Amino acid sequence: MITVTFIEADGTRRAIQAKLGDPLMIPARNAGVRGIVAECGGSAMCATCHCYVEEAAAGSLPDALPDELDTIEFNANEPQDNSRLTCQIKATPALDGAVFRVATGR
């Protein structure tokens, strides 16, 4: 298990445990992180698991694939350079301690 932290819109920090290999969206949704809706179930289509990467070790995140980038560009609330869909980020040891800020507005 790895631990990542989500910062909700009101500033609440929620540390969650994720199983290795699981998309971060799953434990975030299961833990009730406000703002992680996951309408499409993890297929990178809805951007309702959109977050901003606040802290992560260099090289710990894989590059976003074209489908993820398109969804962020066309569906995400206020896309930024550090935008990612948590359904597309799998839990790895390198992500232990990473911090994500939940994007709001959807």
PDB file of N, CA and C in Angstrom:
ATOM      1  N   MET A   1       0.844  -1.188   0.000  1.00  0.00           N
ATOM      2  CA  MET A   1       0.000   0.000   0.000  1.00  0.00           C
ATOM      3  C   MET A   1       0.881   1.240   0.000  1.00  0.00           C
ATOM      4  N   ILE A   2       0.401   2.218  -0.709  1.00  0.00           N
ATOM      5  CA  ILE A   2       1.086   3.507  -0.694  1.00  0.00           C
ATOM      6  C   ILE A   2       0.108   4.549  -0.155  1.00  0.00           C
ATOM      7  N   THR A   3       0.639   5.651   0.317  1.00  0.00           N
ATOM      8  CA  THR A   3      -0.188   6.735   0.845  1.00  0.00           C
ATOM      9  C   THR A   3      -0.043   7.946  -0.052  1.00  0.00           C
ATOM     10  N   VAL A   4      -1.173   8.485  -0.481  1.00  0.00           N
ATOM     11  CA  VAL A   4      -1.198   9.747  -1.207  1.00  0.00           C
ATOM     12  C   VAL A   4      -2.195  10.651  -0.500  1.00  0.00           C
ATOM     13  N   THR A   5      -2.031  11.936  -0.670  1.00  0.00           N
ATOM     14  CA  THR A   5      -2.905  12.907  -0.030  1.00  0.00           C
ATOM     15  C   THR A   5      -3.683  13.674  -1.079  1.00  0.00           C
ATOM     16  N   PHE A   6      -4.976  13.837  -0.828  1.00  0.00           N
ATOM     17  CA  PHE A   6      -5.831  14.673  -1.663  1.00  0.00           C
ATOM     18  C   PHE A   6      -6.231  15.894  -0.854  1.00  0.00           C
ATOM     19  N   ILE A   7      -6.154  17.063  -1.472  1.00  0.00           N
ATOM     20  CA  ILE A   7      -6.597  18.305  -0.845  1.00  0.00           C
ATOM     21  C   ILE A   7      -7.929  18.669  -1.489  1.00  0.00           C
ATOM     22  N   GLU A   8      -8.985  18.698  -0.681  1.00  0.00           N
ATOM     23  CA  GLU A   8     -10.320  19.013  -1.174  1.00  0.00           C
ATOM     24  C   GLU A   8     -10.481  20.529  -1.319  1.00  0.00           C
ATOM     25  N   ALA A   9     -11.561  20.949  -1.948  1.00  0.00           N
ATOM     26  CA  ALA A   9     -11.792  22.371  -2.235  1.00  0.00           C
ATOM     27  C   ALA A   9     -11.744  23.249  -0.999  1.00  0.00           C
ATOM     28  N   ASP A  10     -12.183  22.720   0.153  1.00  0.00           N
ATOM     29  CA  ASP A  10     -12.192  23.529   1.380  1.00  0.00           C
ATOM     30  C   ASP A  10     -10.852  23.496   2.112  1.00  0.00           C
ATOM     31  N   GLY A  11      -9.854  22.836   1.520  1.00  0.00           N
ATOM     32  CA  GLY A  11      -8.536  22.763   2.129  1.00  0.00           C
ATOM     33  C   GLY A  11      -8.301  21.522   2.981  1.00  0.00           C
ATOM     34  N   THR A  12      -9.343  20.714   3.173  1.00  0.00           N
ATOM     35  CA  THR A  12      -9.188  19.480   3.942  1.00  0.00           C
ATOM     36  C   THR A  12      -8.196  18.563   3.245  1.00  0.00           C
ATOM     37  N   ARG A  13      -7.225  18.083   4.007  1.00  0.00           N
ATOM     38  CA  ARG A  13      -6.226  17.147   3.486  1.00  0.00           C
ATOM     39  C   ARG A  13      -6.635  15.746   3.910  1.00  0.00           C
ATOM     40  N   ARG A  14      -6.730  14.833   2.936  1.00  0.00           N
ATOM     41  CA  ARG A  14      -7.147  13.468   3.222  1.00  0.00           C
ATOM     42  C   ARG A  14      -6.098  12.502   2.715  1.00  0.00           C
ATOM     43  N   ALA A  15      -5.398  11.871   3.632  1.00  0.00           N
ATOM     44  CA  ALA A  15      -4.411  10.843   3.278  1.00  0.00           C
ATOM     45  C   ALA A  15      -5.166   9.542   3.061  1.00  0.00           C
ATOM     46  N   ILE A  16      -4.922   8.912   1.932  1.00  0.00           N
ATOM     47  CA  ILE A  16      -5.593   7.655   1.622  1.00  0.00           C
ATOM     48  C   ILE A  16      -4.552   6.589   1.297  1.00  0.00           C
ATOM     49  N   GLN A  17      -4.954   5.352   1.490  1.00  0.00           N
ATOM     50  CA  GLN A  17      -4.112   4.211   1.162  1.00  0.00           C
ATOM     51  C   GLN A  17      -4.560   3.660  -0.188  1.00  0.00           C
ATOM     52  N   ALA A  18      -3.606   3.375  -1.056  1.00  0.00           N
ATOM     53  CA  ALA A  18      -3.905   2.817  -2.373  1.00  0.00           C
ATOM     54  C   ALA A  18      -3.125   1.525  -2.562  1.00  0.00           C
ATOM     55  N   LYS A  19      -3.791   0.520  -3.137  1.00  0.00           N
ATOM     56  CA  LYS A  19      -3.119  -0.738  -3.450  1.00  0.00           C
ATOM     57  C   LYS A  19      -2.225  -0.532  -4.664  1.00  0.00           C
ATOM     58  N   LEU A  20      -1.072  -1.148  -4.635  1.00  0.00           N
ATOM     59  CA  LEU A  20      -0.163  -1.057  -5.775  1.00  0.00           C
ATOM     60  C   LEU A  20      -0.881  -1.495  -7.043  1.00  0.00           C
ATOM     61  N   GLY A  21      -0.757  -0.689  -8.082  1.00  0.00           N
ATOM     62  CA  GLY A  21      -1.348  -1.000  -9.376  1.00  0.00           C
ATOM     63  C   GLY A  21      -2.745  -0.472  -9.594  1.00  0.00           C
ATOM     64  N   ASP A  22      -3.438  -0.062  -8.523  1.00  0.00           N
ATOM     65  CA  ASP A  22      -4.784   0.484  -8.684  1.00  0.00           C
ATOM     66  C   ASP A  22      -4.725   1.930  -9.142  1.00  0.00           C
ATOM     67  N   PRO A  23      -5.660   2.363 -10.004  1.00  0.00           N
ATOM     68  CA  PRO A  23      -5.759   3.786 -10.320  1.00  0.00           C
ATOM     69  C   PRO A  23      -6.106   4.563  -9.056  1.00  0.00           C
ATOM     70  N   LEU A  24      -5.500   5.712  -8.857  1.00  0.00           N
ATOM     71  CA  LEU A  24      -5.734   6.504  -7.640  1.00  0.00           C
ATOM     72  C   LEU A  24      -7.191   6.913  -7.475  1.00  0.00           C
ATOM     73  N   MET A  25      -7.935   6.990  -8.555  1.00  0.00           N
ATOM     74  CA  MET A  25      -9.348   7.347  -8.499  1.00  0.00           C
ATOM     75  C   MET A  25     -10.125   6.394  -7.599  1.00  0.00           C
ATOM     76  N   ILE A  26      -9.797   5.112  -7.632  1.00  0.00           N
ATOM     77  CA  ILE A  26     -10.581   4.109  -6.891  1.00  0.00           C
ATOM     78  C   ILE A  26     -10.510   4.322  -5.381  1.00  0.00           C
ATOM     79  N   PRO A  27      -9.328   4.361  -4.778  1.00  0.00           N
ATOM     80  CA  PRO A  27      -9.309   4.585  -3.331  1.00  0.00           C
ATOM     81  C   PRO A  27      -9.789   5.982  -2.939  1.00  0.00           C
ATOM     82  N   ALA A  28      -9.585   6.971  -3.799  1.00  0.00           N
ATOM     83  CA  ALA A  28     -10.077   8.319  -3.494  1.00  0.00           C
ATOM     84  C   ALA A  28     -11.599   8.327  -3.453  1.00  0.00           C
ATOM     85  N   ARG A  29     -12.221   7.718  -4.444  1.00  0.00           N
ATOM     86  CA  ARG A  29     -13.690   7.641  -4.471  1.00  0.00           C
ATOM     87  C   ARG A  29     -14.194   6.814  -3.291  1.00  0.00           C
ATOM     88  N   ASN A  30     -13.569   5.681  -3.049  1.00  0.00           N
ATOM     89  CA  ASN A  30     -14.001   4.812  -1.950  1.00  0.00           C
ATOM     90  C   ASN A  30     -13.850   5.477  -0.589  1.00  0.00           C
ATOM     91  N   ALA A  31     -12.866   6.373  -0.458  1.00  0.00           N
ATOM     92  CA  ALA A  31     -12.644   7.081   0.804  1.00  0.00           C
ATOM     93  C   ALA A  31     -13.537   8.316   0.933  1.00  0.00           C
ATOM     94  N   GLY A  32     -14.316   8.606  -0.124  1.00  0.00           N
ATOM     95  CA  GLY A  32     -15.224   9.742  -0.066  1.00  0.00           C
ATOM     96  C   GLY A  32     -14.554  11.081  -0.259  1.00  0.00           C
ATOM     97  N   VAL A  33     -13.432  11.109  -0.982  1.00  0.00           N
ATOM     98  CA  VAL A  33     -12.784  12.393  -1.263  1.00  0.00           C
ATOM     99  C   VAL A  33     -13.761  13.243  -2.065  1.00  0.00           C
ATOM    100  N   ARG A  34     -14.126  14.406  -1.511  1.00  0.00           N
ATOM    101  CA  ARG A  34     -15.085  15.294  -2.186  1.00  0.00           C
ATOM    102  C   ARG A  34     -14.480  15.843  -3.468  1.00  0.00           C
ATOM    103  N   GLY A  35     -15.239  15.674  -4.566  1.00  0.00           N
ATOM    104  CA  GLY A  35     -14.803  16.155  -5.869  1.00  0.00           C
ATOM    105  C   GLY A  35     -14.320  15.052  -6.793  1.00  0.00           C
ATOM    106  N   ILE A  36     -14.111  13.852  -6.271  1.00  0.00           N
ATOM    107  CA  ILE A  36     -13.755  12.713  -7.115  1.00  0.00           C
ATOM    108  C   ILE A  36     -15.043  11.929  -7.356  1.00  0.00           C
ATOM    109  N   VAL A  37     -15.669  12.171  -8.512  1.00  0.00           N
ATOM    110  CA  VAL A  37     -16.964  11.589  -8.831  1.00  0.00           C
ATOM    111  C   VAL A  37     -16.805  10.298  -9.630  1.00  0.00           C
ATOM    112  N   ALA A  38     -15.899  10.304 -10.593  1.00  0.00           N
ATOM    113  CA  ALA A  38     -15.597   9.107 -11.385  1.00  0.00           C
ATOM    114  C   ALA A  38     -16.803   8.615 -12.177  1.00  0.00           C
ATOM    115  N   GLU A  39     -17.465   9.511 -12.879  1.00  0.00           N
ATOM    116  CA  GLU A  39     -18.665   9.157 -13.643  1.00  0.00           C
ATOM    117  C   GLU A  39     -18.412   8.100 -14.709  1.00  0.00           C
ATOM    118  N   CYS A  40     -17.287   8.136 -15.380  1.00  0.00           N
ATOM    119  CA  CYS A  40     -17.045   7.205 -16.500  1.00  0.00           C
ATOM    120  C   CYS A  40     -16.388   5.910 -16.045  1.00  0.00           C
ATOM    121  N   GLY A  41     -16.117   5.788 -14.764  1.00  0.00           N
ATOM    122  CA  GLY A  41     -15.563   4.550 -14.249  1.00  0.00           C
ATOM    123  C   GLY A  41     -14.096   4.318 -14.557  1.00  0.00           C
ATOM    124  N   GLY A  42     -13.412   5.331 -15.009  1.00  0.00           N
ATOM    125  CA  GLY A  42     -11.977   5.197 -15.219  1.00  0.00           C
ATOM    126  C   GLY A  42     -11.531   5.098 -16.662  1.00  0.00           C
ATOM    127  N   SER A  43     -12.383   5.481 -17.594  1.00  0.00           N
ATOM    128  CA  SER A  43     -12.018   5.377 -19.009  1.00  0.00           C
ATOM    129  C   SER A  43     -11.495   6.684 -19.608  1.00  0.00           C
ATOM    130  N   ALA A  44     -11.146   7.647 -18.766  1.00  0.00           N
ATOM    131  CA  ALA A  44     -10.576   8.929 -19.203  1.00  0.00           C
ATOM    132  C   ALA A  44     -11.507   9.696 -20.136  1.00  0.00           C
ATOM    133  N   MET A  45     -12.801   9.647 -19.853  1.00  0.00           N
ATOM    134  CA  MET A  45     -13.775  10.306 -20.728  1.00  0.00           C
ATOM    135  C   MET A  45     -14.480  11.504 -20.104  1.00  0.00           C
ATOM    136  N   CYS A  46     -14.519  11.594 -18.762  1.00  0.00           N
ATOM    137  CA  CYS A  46     -15.398  12.599 -18.154  1.00  0.00           C
ATOM    138  C   CYS A  46     -14.674  13.704 -17.382  1.00  0.00           C
ATOM    139  N   ALA A  47     -13.483  13.462 -16.941  1.00  0.00           N
ATOM    140  CA  ALA A  47     -12.695  14.425 -16.151  1.00  0.00           C
ATOM    141  C   ALA A  47     -13.287  14.699 -14.772  1.00  0.00           C
ATOM    142  N   THR A  48     -14.146  13.803 -14.260  1.00  0.00           N
ATOM    143  CA  THR A  48     -14.698  14.013 -12.918  1.00  0.00           C
ATOM    144  C   THR A  48     -13.782  13.434 -11.837  1.00  0.00           C
ATOM    145  N   CYS A  49     -12.553  13.102 -12.215  1.00  0.00           N
ATOM    146  CA  CYS A  49     -11.522  12.716 -11.244  1.00  0.00           C
ATOM    147  C   CYS A  49     -10.283  13.597 -11.448  1.00  0.00           C
ATOM    148  N   HIS A  50     -10.510  14.755 -12.046  1.00  0.00           N
ATOM    149  CA  HIS A  50      -9.443  15.702 -12.380  1.00  0.00           C
ATOM    150  C   HIS A  50      -8.816  16.285 -11.115  1.00  0.00           C
ATOM    151  N   CYS A  51      -7.502  16.225 -11.062  1.00  0.00           N
ATOM    152  CA  CYS A  51      -6.748  16.808  -9.949  1.00  0.00           C
ATOM    153  C   CYS A  51      -5.530  17.540 -10.487  1.00  0.00           C
ATOM    154  N   TYR A  52      -4.956  18.347  -9.628  1.00  0.00           N
ATOM    155  CA  TYR A  52      -3.686  19.013  -9.921  1.00  0.00           C
ATOM    156  C   TYR A  52      -2.614  18.338  -9.079  1.00  0.00           C
ATOM    157  N   VAL A  53      -1.512  18.016  -9.693  1.00  0.00           N
ATOM    158  CA  VAL A  53      -0.393  17.409  -8.970  1.00  0.00           C
ATOM    159  C   VAL A  53       0.309  18.528  -8.215  1.00  0.00           C
ATOM    160  N   GLU A  54       0.238  18.481  -6.891  1.00  0.00           N
ATOM    161  CA  GLU A  54       0.868  19.492  -6.049  1.00  0.00           C
ATOM    162  C   GLU A  54       2.288  19.093  -5.683  1.00  0.00           C
ATOM    163  N   GLU A  55       2.467  17.832  -5.322  1.00  0.00           N
ATOM    164  CA  GLU A  55       3.786  17.329  -4.931  1.00  0.00           C
ATOM    165  C   GLU A  55       3.915  15.888  -5.405  1.00  0.00           C
ATOM    166  N   ALA A  56       5.002  15.596  -6.067  1.00  0.00           N
ATOM    167  CA  ALA A  56       5.317  14.219  -6.461  1.00  0.00           C
ATOM    168  C   ALA A  56       6.796  14.176  -6.790  1.00  0.00           C
ATOM    169  N   ALA A  57       7.425  13.085  -6.429  1.00  0.00           N
ATOM    170  CA  ALA A  57       8.851  12.931  -6.711  1.00  0.00           C
ATOM    171  C   ALA A  57       9.084  12.995  -8.218  1.00  0.00           C
ATOM    172  N   ALA A  58      10.190  13.573  -8.600  1.00  0.00           N
ATOM    173  CA  ALA A  58      10.541  13.665 -10.015  1.00  0.00           C
ATOM    174  C   ALA A  58      10.530  12.274 -10.641  1.00  0.00           C
ATOM    175  N   GLY A  59       9.851  12.158 -11.769  1.00  0.00           N
ATOM    176  CA  GLY A  59       9.799  10.899 -12.487  1.00  0.00           C
ATOM    177  C   GLY A  59       8.821   9.878 -11.933  1.00  0.00           C
ATOM    178  N   SER A  60       8.046  10.253 -10.917  1.00  0.00           N
ATOM    179  CA  SER A  60       7.134   9.283 -10.302  1.00  0.00           C
ATOM    180  C   SER A  60       5.837   9.103 -11.078  1.00  0.00           C
ATOM    181  N   LEU A  61       5.496  10.077 -11.901  1.00  0.00           N
ATOM    182  CA  LEU A  61       4.270   9.989 -12.692  1.00  0.00           C
ATOM    183  C   LEU A  61       4.594   9.651 -14.145  1.00  0.00           C
ATOM    184  N   PRO A  62       3.846   8.713 -14.716  1.00  0.00           N
ATOM    185  CA  PRO A  62       4.038   8.455 -16.141  1.00  0.00           C
ATOM    186  C   PRO A  62       3.506   9.642 -16.940  1.00  0.00           C
ATOM    187  N   ASP A  63       3.986   9.794 -18.153  1.00  0.00           N
ATOM    188  CA  ASP A  63       3.451  10.838 -19.018  1.00  0.00           C
ATOM    189  C   ASP A  63       1.986  10.550 -19.319  1.00  0.00           C
ATOM    190  N   ALA A  64       1.201  11.605 -19.448  1.00  0.00           N
ATOM    191  CA  ALA A  64      -0.205  11.447 -19.814  1.00  0.00           C
ATOM    192  C   ALA A  64      -0.299  10.993 -21.264  1.00  0.00           C
ATOM    193  N   LEU A  65      -1.205  10.063 -21.513  1.00  0.00           N
ATOM    194  CA  LEU A  65      -1.445   9.574 -22.868  1.00  0.00           C
ATOM    195  C   LEU A  65      -2.370  10.540 -23.604  1.00  0.00           C
ATOM    196  N   PRO A  66      -2.430  10.472 -24.934  1.00  0.00           N
ATOM    197  CA  PRO A  66      -3.262  11.408 -25.704  1.00  0.00           C
ATOM    198  C   PRO A  66      -4.728  11.463 -25.270  1.00  0.00           C
ATOM    199  N   ASP A  67      -5.342  10.319 -24.947  1.00  0.00           N
ATOM    200  CA  ASP A  67      -6.748  10.331 -24.521  1.00  0.00           C
ATOM    201  C   ASP A  67      -6.937  11.154 -23.255  1.00  0.00           C
ATOM    202  N   GLU A  68      -6.023  11.005 -22.315  1.00  0.00           N
ATOM    203  CA  GLU A  68      -6.110  11.779 -21.080  1.00  0.00           C
ATOM    204  C   GLU A  68      -5.937  13.265 -21.359  1.00  0.00           C
ATOM    205  N   LEU A  69      -4.964  13.599 -22.175  1.00  0.00           N
ATOM    206  CA  LEU A  69      -4.724  15.006 -22.494  1.00  0.00           C
ATOM    207  C   LEU A  69      -5.926  15.638 -23.191  1.00  0.00           C
ATOM    208  N   ASP A  70      -6.554  14.898 -24.111  1.00  0.00           N
ATOM    209  CA  ASP A  70      -7.743  15.409 -24.807  1.00  0.00           C
ATOM    210  C   ASP A  70      -8.891  15.639 -23.825  1.00  0.00           C
ATOM    211  N   THR A  71      -9.109  14.695 -22.924  1.00  0.00           N
ATOM    212  CA  THR A  71     -10.191  14.838 -21.956  1.00  0.00           C
ATOM    213  C   THR A  71      -9.942  16.031 -21.049  1.00  0.00           C
ATOM    214  N   ILE A  72      -8.714  16.193 -20.603  1.00  0.00           N
ATOM    215  CA  ILE A  72      -8.395  17.357 -19.764  1.00  0.00           C
ATOM    216  C   ILE A  72      -8.642  18.642 -20.535  1.00  0.00           C
ATOM    217  N   GLU A  73      -8.183  18.693 -21.771  1.00  0.00           N
ATOM    218  CA  GLU A  73      -8.324  19.921 -22.569  1.00  0.00           C
ATOM    219  C   GLU A  73      -9.785  20.289 -22.805  1.00  0.00           C
ATOM    220  N   PHE A  74     -10.627  19.310 -23.106  1.00  0.00           N
ATOM    221  CA  PHE A  74     -11.998  19.604 -23.521  1.00  0.00           C
ATOM    222  C   PHE A  74     -13.049  19.455 -22.429  1.00  0.00           C
ATOM    223  N   ASN A  75     -12.747  18.737 -21.344  1.00  0.00           N
ATOM    224  CA  ASN A  75     -13.769  18.475 -20.330  1.00  0.00           C
ATOM    225  C   ASN A  75     -13.418  18.928 -18.921  1.00  0.00           C
ATOM    226  N   ALA A  76     -12.160  19.148 -18.652  1.00  0.00           N
ATOM    227  CA  ALA A  76     -11.754  19.424 -17.269  1.00  0.00           C
ATOM    228  C   ALA A  76     -12.044  20.863 -16.870  1.00  0.00           C
ATOM    229  N   ASN A  77     -12.290  21.025 -15.584  1.00  0.00           N
ATOM    230  CA  ASN A  77     -12.460  22.343 -14.995  1.00  0.00           C
ATOM    231  C   ASN A  77     -11.089  22.990 -14.843  1.00  0.00           C
ATOM    232  N   GLU A  78     -10.892  24.123 -15.482  1.00  0.00           N
ATOM    233  CA  GLU A  78      -9.666  24.911 -15.365  1.00  0.00           C
ATOM    234  C   GLU A  78      -8.388  24.073 -15.517  1.00  0.00           C
ATOM    235  N   PRO A  79      -8.162  23.507 -16.708  1.00  0.00           N
ATOM    236  CA  PRO A  79      -6.936  22.728 -16.910  1.00  0.00           C
ATOM    237  C   PRO A  79      -5.685  23.575 -16.688  1.00  0.00           C
ATOM    238  N   GLN A  80      -4.683  22.942 -16.118  1.00  0.00           N
ATOM    239  CA  GLN A  80      -3.397  23.590 -15.872  1.00  0.00           C
ATOM    240  C   GLN A  80      -2.291  22.643 -16.318  1.00  0.00           C
ATOM    241  N   ASP A  81      -1.064  23.122 -16.293  1.00  0.00           N
ATOM    242  CA  ASP A  81       0.066  22.275 -16.686  1.00  0.00           C
ATOM    243  C   ASP A  81       0.217  21.053 -15.791  1.00  0.00           C
ATOM    244  N   ASN A  82      -0.240  21.146 -14.547  1.00  0.00           N
ATOM    245  CA  ASN A  82      -0.109  20.028 -13.608  1.00  0.00           C
ATOM    246  C   ASN A  82      -1.404  19.218 -13.485  1.00  0.00           C
ATOM    247  N   SER A  83      -2.327  19.367 -14.438  1.00  0.00           N
ATOM    248  CA  SER A  83      -3.582  18.621 -14.441  1.00  0.00           C
ATOM    249  C   SER A  83      -3.351  17.166 -14.803  1.00  0.00           C
ATOM    250  N   ARG A  84      -4.052  16.287 -14.088  1.00  0.00           N
ATOM    251  CA  ARG A  84      -4.054  14.856 -14.407  1.00  0.00           C
ATOM    252  C   ARG A  84      -5.418  14.284 -14.043  1.00  0.00           C
ATOM    253  N   LEU A  85      -5.750  13.162 -14.663  1.00  0.00           N
ATOM    254  CA  LEU A  85      -6.935  12.398 -14.298  1.00  0.00           C
ATOM    255  C   LEU A  85      -6.472  11.267 -13.404  1.00  0.00           C
ATOM    256  N   THR A  86      -7.025  11.183 -12.207  1.00  0.00           N
ATOM    257  CA  THR A  86      -6.541  10.167 -11.271  1.00  0.00           C
ATOM    258  C   THR A  86      -6.910   8.753 -11.695  1.00  0.00           C
ATOM    259  N   CYS A  87      -7.836   8.617 -12.638  1.00  0.00           N
ATOM    260  CA  CYS A  87      -8.148   7.286 -13.163  1.00  0.00           C
ATOM    261  C   CYS A  87      -7.015   6.753 -14.030  1.00  0.00           C
ATOM    262  N   GLN A  88      -6.119   7.614 -14.444  1.00  0.00           N
ATOM    263  CA  GLN A  88      -5.029   7.221 -15.332  1.00  0.00           C
ATOM    264  C   GLN A  88      -3.684   7.133 -14.618  1.00  0.00           C
ATOM    265  N   ILE A  89      -3.687   7.335 -13.311  1.00  0.00           N
ATOM    266  CA  ILE A  89      -2.445   7.262 -12.529  1.00  0.00           C
ATOM    267  C   ILE A  89      -2.522   6.049 -11.619  1.00  0.00           C
ATOM    268  N   LYS A  90      -1.681   5.069 -11.874  1.00  0.00           N
ATOM    269  CA  LYS A  90      -1.666   3.857 -11.057  1.00  0.00           C
ATOM    270  C   LYS A  90      -0.724   4.032  -9.871  1.00  0.00           C
ATOM    271  N   ALA A  91      -1.140   3.481  -8.751  1.00  0.00           N
ATOM    272  CA  ALA A  91      -0.348   3.556  -7.526  1.00  0.00           C
ATOM    273  C   ALA A  91       0.949   2.762  -7.688  1.00  0.00           C
ATOM    274  N   THR A  92       2.054   3.431  -7.457  1.00  0.00           N
ATOM    275  CA  THR A  92       3.379   2.809  -7.500  1.00  0.00           C
ATOM    276  C   THR A  92       4.151   3.264  -6.267  1.00  0.00           C
ATOM    277  N   PRO A  93       5.185   2.532  -5.893  1.00  0.00           N
ATOM    278  CA  PRO A  93       5.989   2.969  -4.744  1.00  0.00           C
ATOM    279  C   PRO A  93       6.539   4.389  -4.926  1.00  0.00           C
ATOM    280  N   ALA A  94       6.832   4.779  -6.146  1.00  0.00           N
ATOM    281  CA  ALA A  94       7.378   6.114  -6.397  1.00  0.00           C
ATOM    282  C   ALA A  94       6.389   7.226  -6.062  1.00  0.00           C
ATOM    283  N   LEU A  95       5.090   6.903  -6.021  1.00  0.00           N
ATOM    284  CA  LEU A  95       4.072   7.910  -5.711  1.00  0.00           C
ATOM    285  C   LEU A  95       3.795   8.055  -4.221  1.00  0.00           C
ATOM    286  N   ASP A  96       4.399   7.213  -3.395  1.00  0.00           N
ATOM    287  CA  ASP A  96       4.172   7.301  -1.955  1.00  0.00           C
ATOM    288  C   ASP A  96       4.502   8.714  -1.474  1.00  0.00           C
ATOM    289  N   GLY A  97       3.538   9.356  -0.838  1.00  0.00           N
ATOM    290  CA  GLY A  97       3.725  10.716  -0.339  1.00  0.00           C
ATOM    291  C   GLY A  97       3.281  11.806  -1.294  1.00  0.00           C
ATOM    292  N   ALA A  98       2.850  11.454  -2.499  1.00  0.00           N
ATOM    293  CA  ALA A  98       2.417  12.463  -3.468  1.00  0.00           C
ATOM    294  C   ALA A  98       1.165  13.182  -2.951  1.00  0.00           C
ATOM    295  N   VAL A  99       0.985  14.420  -3.420  1.00  0.00           N
ATOM    296  CA  VAL A  99      -0.152  15.248  -3.007  1.00  0.00           C
ATOM    297  C   VAL A  99      -0.854  15.745  -4.265  1.00  0.00           C
ATOM    298  N   PHE A 100      -2.186  15.612  -4.265  1.00  0.00           N
ATOM    299  CA  PHE A 100      -3.033  16.046  -5.368  1.00  0.00           C
ATOM    300  C   PHE A 100      -4.103  16.989  -4.843  1.00  0.00           C
ATOM    301  N   ARG A 101      -4.338  18.087  -5.566  1.00  0.00           N
ATOM    302  CA  ARG A 101      -5.420  19.015  -5.207  1.00  0.00           C
ATOM    303  C   ARG A 101      -6.589  18.717  -6.143  1.00  0.00           C
ATOM    304  N   VAL A 102      -7.755  18.466  -5.561  1.00  0.00           N
ATOM    305  CA  VAL A 102      -8.928  18.132  -6.342  1.00  0.00           C
ATOM    306  C   VAL A 102      -9.396  19.388  -7.083  1.00  0.00           C
ATOM    307  N   ALA A 103      -9.603  19.251  -8.399  1.00  0.00           N
ATOM    308  CA  ALA A 103     -10.179  20.339  -9.192  1.00  0.00           C
ATOM    309  C   ALA A 103     -11.670  20.377  -8.886  1.00  0.00           C
ATOM    310  N   THR A 104     -12.235  21.538  -8.817  1.00  0.00           N
ATOM    311  CA  THR A 104     -13.650  21.656  -8.463  1.00  0.00           C
ATOM    312  C   THR A 104     -14.446  22.216  -9.626  1.00  0.00           C
ATOM    313  N   GLY A 105     -15.751  22.215  -9.483  1.00  0.00           N
ATOM    314  CA  GLY A 105     -16.601  22.871 -10.455  1.00  0.00           C
ATOM    315  C   GLY A 105     -17.362  21.945 -11.370  1.00  0.00           C
ATOM    316  N   ARG A 106     -17.171  20.634 -11.258  1.00  0.00           N
ATOM    317  CA  ARG A 106     -17.924  19.697 -12.104  1.00  0.00           C
ATOM    318  C   ARG A 106     -18.778  18.826 -11.242  1.00  0.00           C
TER     319      ARG A 106
END
